[in-house]
Protein backbone atom coordinates (compact mmCIF):
# COMPACT_ATOMS: atom_id res chain seq x y z
CA MET A 1 -9.97 -20.16 -11.67
CA GLU A 2 -6.48 -18.90 -9.46
CA TYR A 3 -5.86 -15.75 -9.11
CA CYS A 4 -2.81 -13.56 -7.49
CA LEU A 5 -3.09 -11.13 -4.86
CA ASN A 6 -0.85 -8.93 -3.47
CA ILE A 7 -0.25 -9.17 0.20
CA GLN A 8 1.31 -6.50 2.72
CA PHE A 9 2.58 -7.77 5.96
CA ALA A 10 3.00 -5.23 9.19
CA ASN A 11 6.11 -3.41 9.77
CA ALA A 12 6.56 -3.69 6.18
CA ASN A 13 6.14 -1.24 2.70
CA LYS A 14 6.78 -4.20 0.07
CA THR A 15 4.47 -6.60 -1.37
CA TYR A 16 4.36 -9.86 -1.83
CA TYR A 17 2.53 -12.42 -4.61
CA PHE A 18 -0.14 -15.23 -3.34
CA LYS A 19 -2.40 -17.13 -4.96
CA THR A 20 -5.79 -18.41 -4.13
CA ASP A 21 -9.31 -20.06 -5.43
CA ASP A 22 -11.06 -18.38 -3.27
CA GLU A 23 -13.73 -16.06 -5.18
CA THR A 24 -14.80 -13.99 -1.96
CA ILE A 25 -11.55 -12.86 -1.33
CA LYS A 26 -11.33 -8.91 -1.60
CA GLU A 27 -9.04 -5.94 -1.56
CA ASN A 28 -8.52 -4.81 2.26
CA ASP A 29 -9.60 -8.53 3.27
CA TYR A 30 -6.82 -9.64 5.55
CA VAL A 31 -5.80 -13.44 5.37
CA VAL A 32 -3.46 -16.18 7.09
CA VAL A 33 -0.47 -17.22 4.73
CA GLU A 34 2.75 -18.90 5.54
CA SER A 35 5.79 -16.97 4.59
CA ILE A 36 9.60 -17.91 4.80
CA VAL A 37 8.87 -16.27 8.41
CA GLY A 38 6.23 -18.54 9.28
CA ILE A 39 2.27 -18.01 9.37
CA GLU A 40 1.73 -14.63 9.34
CA ILE A 41 -1.33 -12.42 8.94
CA GLY A 42 -1.53 -10.04 6.06
CA LYS A 43 -4.18 -7.38 4.23
CA VAL A 44 -4.93 -7.71 0.73
CA VAL A 45 -3.69 -4.68 -1.25
CA GLY A 46 -4.13 -3.35 -4.88
CA GLU A 47 -6.56 -5.27 -7.43
CA ILE A 48 -7.13 -8.87 -7.64
CA LYS A 49 -6.14 -10.31 -11.17
CA PRO A 50 -6.27 -13.89 -12.79
CA LEU A 51 -3.12 -15.90 -11.82
CA GLU A 52 -2.16 -16.81 -15.55
CA GLU A 53 -2.01 -12.63 -15.93
CA ILE A 54 0.64 -12.42 -14.20
CA ASN A 55 4.54 -12.73 -15.85
CA PHE A 56 6.19 -14.01 -12.51
CA HIS A 57 8.51 -17.01 -12.82
CA LEU A 58 8.91 -17.91 -9.25
CA GLN A 59 6.96 -19.94 -7.30
CA ILE A 60 3.48 -18.40 -5.73
CA LYS A 61 2.58 -19.50 -2.15
CA PRO A 62 -1.49 -20.02 -1.89
CA ILE A 63 -3.25 -18.13 0.88
CA LEU A 64 -4.12 -20.56 4.01
CA ARG A 65 -7.54 -19.17 4.64
CA LYS A 66 -8.96 -15.33 5.17
CA ALA A 67 -8.61 -14.32 8.63
CA THR A 68 -11.04 -14.96 11.25
CA ARG A 69 -11.62 -12.56 14.27
CA PHE A 70 -9.94 -15.09 16.49
CA ASP A 71 -6.43 -14.34 14.27
CA ILE A 72 -7.23 -10.62 14.72
CA THR A 73 -6.98 -10.86 18.27
CA GLN A 74 -4.53 -13.17 18.11
CA LYS A 75 -2.27 -10.84 15.81
CA ARG A 76 -3.10 -8.14 18.55
CA GLU A 77 -2.22 -10.50 21.53
CA ASN A 78 1.01 -11.28 19.66
CA ASP A 79 2.00 -7.25 18.76
CA LYS A 80 1.87 -6.69 22.54
CA ALA A 81 3.80 -9.94 23.48
CA ALA A 82 6.63 -8.74 21.27
CA LYS A 83 6.64 -5.44 22.51
CA LYS A 84 7.57 -6.86 25.73
CA ALA A 85 9.94 -9.38 24.17
CA MET A 86 11.90 -6.42 22.72
CA THR A 87 12.39 -5.32 26.50
CA ILE A 88 13.71 -8.38 27.39
CA PHE A 89 16.01 -8.39 24.34
CA ASN A 90 17.26 -5.02 25.48
CA GLU A 91 17.89 -6.15 29.14
CA SER A 92 19.82 -9.25 27.74
CA ILE A 93 22.38 -7.62 24.96
CA LYS A 94 23.13 -5.43 28.17
CA SER A 95 23.90 -7.71 30.43
CA LEU A 96 25.95 -9.81 28.04
CA ASN A 97 27.76 -6.62 26.53
CA LEU A 98 26.71 -7.37 23.05
CA ASP A 99 26.63 -4.29 20.52
CA MET A 100 23.26 -4.91 18.96
CA ASN A 101 20.69 -2.18 17.51
CA LEU A 102 17.44 -3.82 17.95
CA LEU A 103 15.07 -2.83 15.06
CA ASN A 104 11.88 -4.93 15.65
CA ALA A 105 10.16 -8.25 16.98
CA GLU A 106 7.61 -10.27 15.79
CA TYR A 107 6.02 -13.54 16.42
CA THR A 108 4.44 -15.39 13.93
CA LEU A 109 0.29 -16.41 14.33
CA ASP A 110 1.08 -19.50 16.22
CA LYS A 111 3.33 -17.78 18.03
CA THR A 112 5.78 -20.96 17.80
CA LYS A 113 8.57 -18.88 17.14
CA ILE A 114 9.57 -14.97 17.43
CA LEU A 115 12.13 -13.16 14.58
CA PHE A 116 13.88 -10.30 15.83
CA THR A 117 15.45 -7.68 13.51
CA TYR A 118 18.95 -6.21 14.43
CA LEU A 119 21.25 -3.82 12.93
CA ALA A 120 25.00 -4.23 14.20
CA SER A 121 28.29 -3.10 13.29
CA GLU A 122 30.29 -6.27 12.78
CA ARG A 123 29.37 -9.47 13.06
CA VAL A 124 27.99 -10.62 16.34
CA ASP A 125 28.19 -14.00 18.42
CA PHE A 126 25.04 -14.27 19.94
CA ARG A 127 24.87 -17.93 20.84
CA GLU A 128 24.59 -17.45 24.73
CA LEU A 129 22.25 -14.79 24.08
CA LEU A 130 20.04 -17.04 22.07
CA LYS A 131 20.26 -19.13 25.38
CA VAL A 132 18.94 -16.28 27.16
CA LEU A 133 16.18 -15.71 25.49
CA ALA A 134 14.76 -19.09 24.78
CA ASN A 135 15.23 -19.75 28.31
CA LYS A 136 12.81 -16.70 29.03
CA LEU A 137 10.36 -17.02 26.03
CA GLY A 138 9.61 -20.43 25.90
CA CYS A 139 9.80 -20.49 21.75
CA ARG A 140 12.14 -20.62 18.40
CA ILE A 141 14.38 -17.47 18.21
CA GLU A 142 15.62 -16.05 15.18
CA LEU A 143 18.05 -13.39 14.92
CA LYS A 144 18.41 -11.35 11.76
CA GLN A 145 20.69 -9.20 10.85
CA ILE A 146 20.35 -6.51 8.31
CA SER A 147 21.89 -3.79 6.38
CA PRO A 148 21.96 0.01 6.77
CA ARG A 149 20.38 -0.20 3.10
CA GLU A 150 18.10 -3.18 4.25
CA LYS A 151 17.21 -0.47 7.53
CA ALA A 152 15.73 2.31 4.49
CA GLN A 153 13.98 -0.39 2.83
CA LYS A 154 12.07 -1.91 5.80
CA ILE A 155 10.95 1.95 7.15
CA GLY A 156 10.54 3.75 4.01
CA GLY A 157 11.18 7.40 3.46
CA ILE A 158 10.66 10.05 1.15
CA GLY A 159 14.25 10.77 -1.12
CA ILE A 160 15.87 13.90 -2.64
CA CYS A 161 13.86 13.59 -5.26
CA GLY A 162 10.45 13.90 -3.83
CA LEU A 163 9.46 10.55 -4.62
CA GLU A 164 9.29 7.32 -2.26
CA LEU A 165 12.72 5.34 -1.67
CA CYS A 166 13.37 3.27 -4.67
CA CYS A 167 14.25 0.20 -2.18
CA THR A 168 10.99 0.53 -0.74
CA LYS A 169 8.76 0.42 -3.75
CA PHE A 170 10.45 -1.93 -6.34
CA ILE A 171 14.42 -2.79 -5.26
CA ASN A 172 14.39 -6.65 -4.15
CA VAL A 173 18.37 -7.53 -4.56
CA PHE A 174 20.76 -4.46 -3.16
CA GLU A 175 23.82 -4.11 -5.61
CA GLY A 176 27.07 -2.59 -4.93
CA ILE A 177 26.66 1.07 -5.72
CA THR A 178 30.85 2.40 -5.99
CA LEU A 179 31.89 6.02 -6.34
CA SER A 180 32.93 4.90 -10.10
CA LYS A 181 29.43 5.35 -11.18
CA ALA A 182 29.64 9.06 -9.38
CA LYS A 183 32.52 9.87 -11.52
CA ASN A 184 31.31 8.32 -14.34
CA GLN A 185 28.30 10.32 -14.53
CA MET A 186 30.72 13.33 -13.63
CA LEU A 187 29.06 14.29 -10.57
CA SER A 188 30.86 16.27 -7.58
CA ILE A 189 32.21 13.57 -5.17
CA ASN A 190 30.22 15.01 -2.44
CA LEU A 191 29.23 11.58 -0.45
CA PRO A 192 26.75 13.76 1.77
CA LYS A 193 24.57 14.59 -1.45
CA LEU A 194 25.71 12.00 -2.98
CA SER A 195 24.09 9.11 0.07
CA GLY A 196 20.61 8.20 0.49
CA GLN A 197 18.65 7.37 3.47
CA CYS A 198 20.97 4.96 4.36
CA GLY A 199 23.48 7.00 4.62
CA LYS A 200 25.43 4.78 2.06
CA LEU A 201 25.56 5.85 -1.67
CA MET A 202 22.20 6.01 -3.55
CA CYS A 203 20.42 3.44 -5.48
CA CYS A 204 19.63 5.37 -8.24
CA LEU A 205 23.69 6.30 -8.90
CA LYS A 206 23.47 2.96 -11.32
CA TYR A 207 20.28 3.53 -13.11
CA GLU A 208 21.62 6.00 -15.56
CA ASP A 209 25.27 4.99 -15.62
CA ASP A 210 24.86 2.47 -18.60
CA LEU A 211 23.41 4.93 -20.48
CA TYR A 212 25.84 7.46 -19.48
CA THR A 213 28.57 4.75 -20.80
CA GLU A 214 26.78 4.83 -24.12
CA GLU A 215 26.49 8.70 -24.91
CA LYS A 216 30.29 9.39 -23.56
CA LYS A 217 31.29 7.34 -27.09
CA ASN A 218 29.74 10.01 -28.88
CA PHE A 219 31.56 12.79 -27.10
CA PRO A 220 35.42 13.71 -27.45
CA GLN A 221 38.36 12.55 -24.73
CA ILE A 222 38.85 15.15 -22.48
CA GLY A 223 42.32 16.97 -23.41
CA THR A 224 41.53 16.59 -27.34
CA ILE A 225 42.66 19.38 -29.08
CA ILE A 226 41.08 21.18 -31.71
CA THR A 227 41.13 24.32 -33.50
CA TYR A 228 38.38 26.83 -33.45
CA ASP A 229 38.31 30.03 -34.61
CA LYS A 230 41.93 29.87 -35.84
CA LYS A 231 43.05 28.73 -32.55
CA GLU A 232 44.06 25.83 -30.51
CA TYR A 233 41.74 24.83 -27.40
CA LYS A 234 41.56 22.04 -25.31
CA VAL A 235 38.65 19.97 -24.70
CA THR A 236 38.34 20.27 -20.72
CA GLY A 237 34.86 19.26 -19.95
CA ILE A 238 31.25 17.68 -21.24
CA ASN A 239 27.78 17.56 -20.27
CA ILE A 240 25.64 15.09 -21.71
CA ILE A 241 22.44 16.69 -21.04
CA SER A 242 23.02 19.42 -22.46
CA LYS A 243 25.19 18.18 -25.22
CA THR A 244 28.05 20.62 -24.79
CA ILE A 245 31.40 20.47 -24.83
CA LYS A 246 33.93 22.84 -22.45
CA ILE A 247 37.24 23.67 -24.69
CA GLU A 248 40.02 26.31 -23.67
CA ASN A 249 43.25 27.79 -23.46
CA GLU A 250 45.66 29.78 -21.38
CA GLU A 251 43.53 33.23 -23.21
CA ASN A 252 40.08 31.76 -23.24
CA ILE A 253 37.24 29.48 -22.50
CA ASP A 254 34.24 28.55 -24.75
CA PHE A 255 31.27 26.40 -25.40
CA LEU A 256 30.26 24.50 -28.64
CA THR A 257 27.26 22.00 -29.16
CA LEU A 258 28.15 18.33 -29.88
CA GLU A 259 27.19 19.30 -33.37
CA GLU A 260 29.36 22.24 -33.69
CA PHE A 261 32.25 20.64 -32.66
CA ASN A 262 31.90 17.25 -34.33
CA LYS A 263 31.46 19.93 -37.32
CA LEU A 264 35.03 21.50 -36.32
CA ASN A 265 36.02 17.61 -36.02
CA ASN A 266 34.82 16.56 -39.84
CA LYS A 267 36.63 19.74 -41.27
CA LYS A 268 40.30 19.10 -39.41
CA LYS A 269 39.75 15.04 -40.85
CA LYS A 270 39.21 16.54 -44.72
């Protein structure tokens, strides 16, 4: 019988599915797997489930083996070596005058490759850097530029809602977030308040956007003229949450519930 396990890697908050037919593997065990990076050690987290119970349509790679004491020791040695490699990287980009901000370095378990993750404001020509690093480190070099959103995902944190960042918990693909979504939700265009830990517009702006678009169909357009209390008023604002409508004229400002407004509007039509 095959089982599905959630595997978490060092320096990563997200977990990934892997499968095994080894019934002895349990939560908190360390295992060796082949990821997109290479051969890595990961930790089993969460409940172990039969593979047939998992509704997952992408390919699930197998676990290679349980991590041995030698694997664990090798991982620790690799981590120490990666720190030295980071120093070499930073010295190299300084001498080559490259505008790069190194975030992390990680060797594969077999130490045949090292992955450097960095931030850069623009695209960097790192061909000369690759030659320098390959000569000094004696292994395959992979450089990965990530966006500010990916950096926040990698580091993790707490959002203004008091919960763990959505990008850390479940977001796999980042979609474009524009101010049009904030405007659609009638939010004040205050960039610091609308920005997340990454400095970009918060991903959560997209979650309720479709709902706002649908709910606004039940409300009058801004500028609609209505007769209320025998006087003519103009709709100047709506509140989707409280279901209220702001109306005003030169003399007065008032608020109606959506139900009250619809009754007035129906009388007008009659």
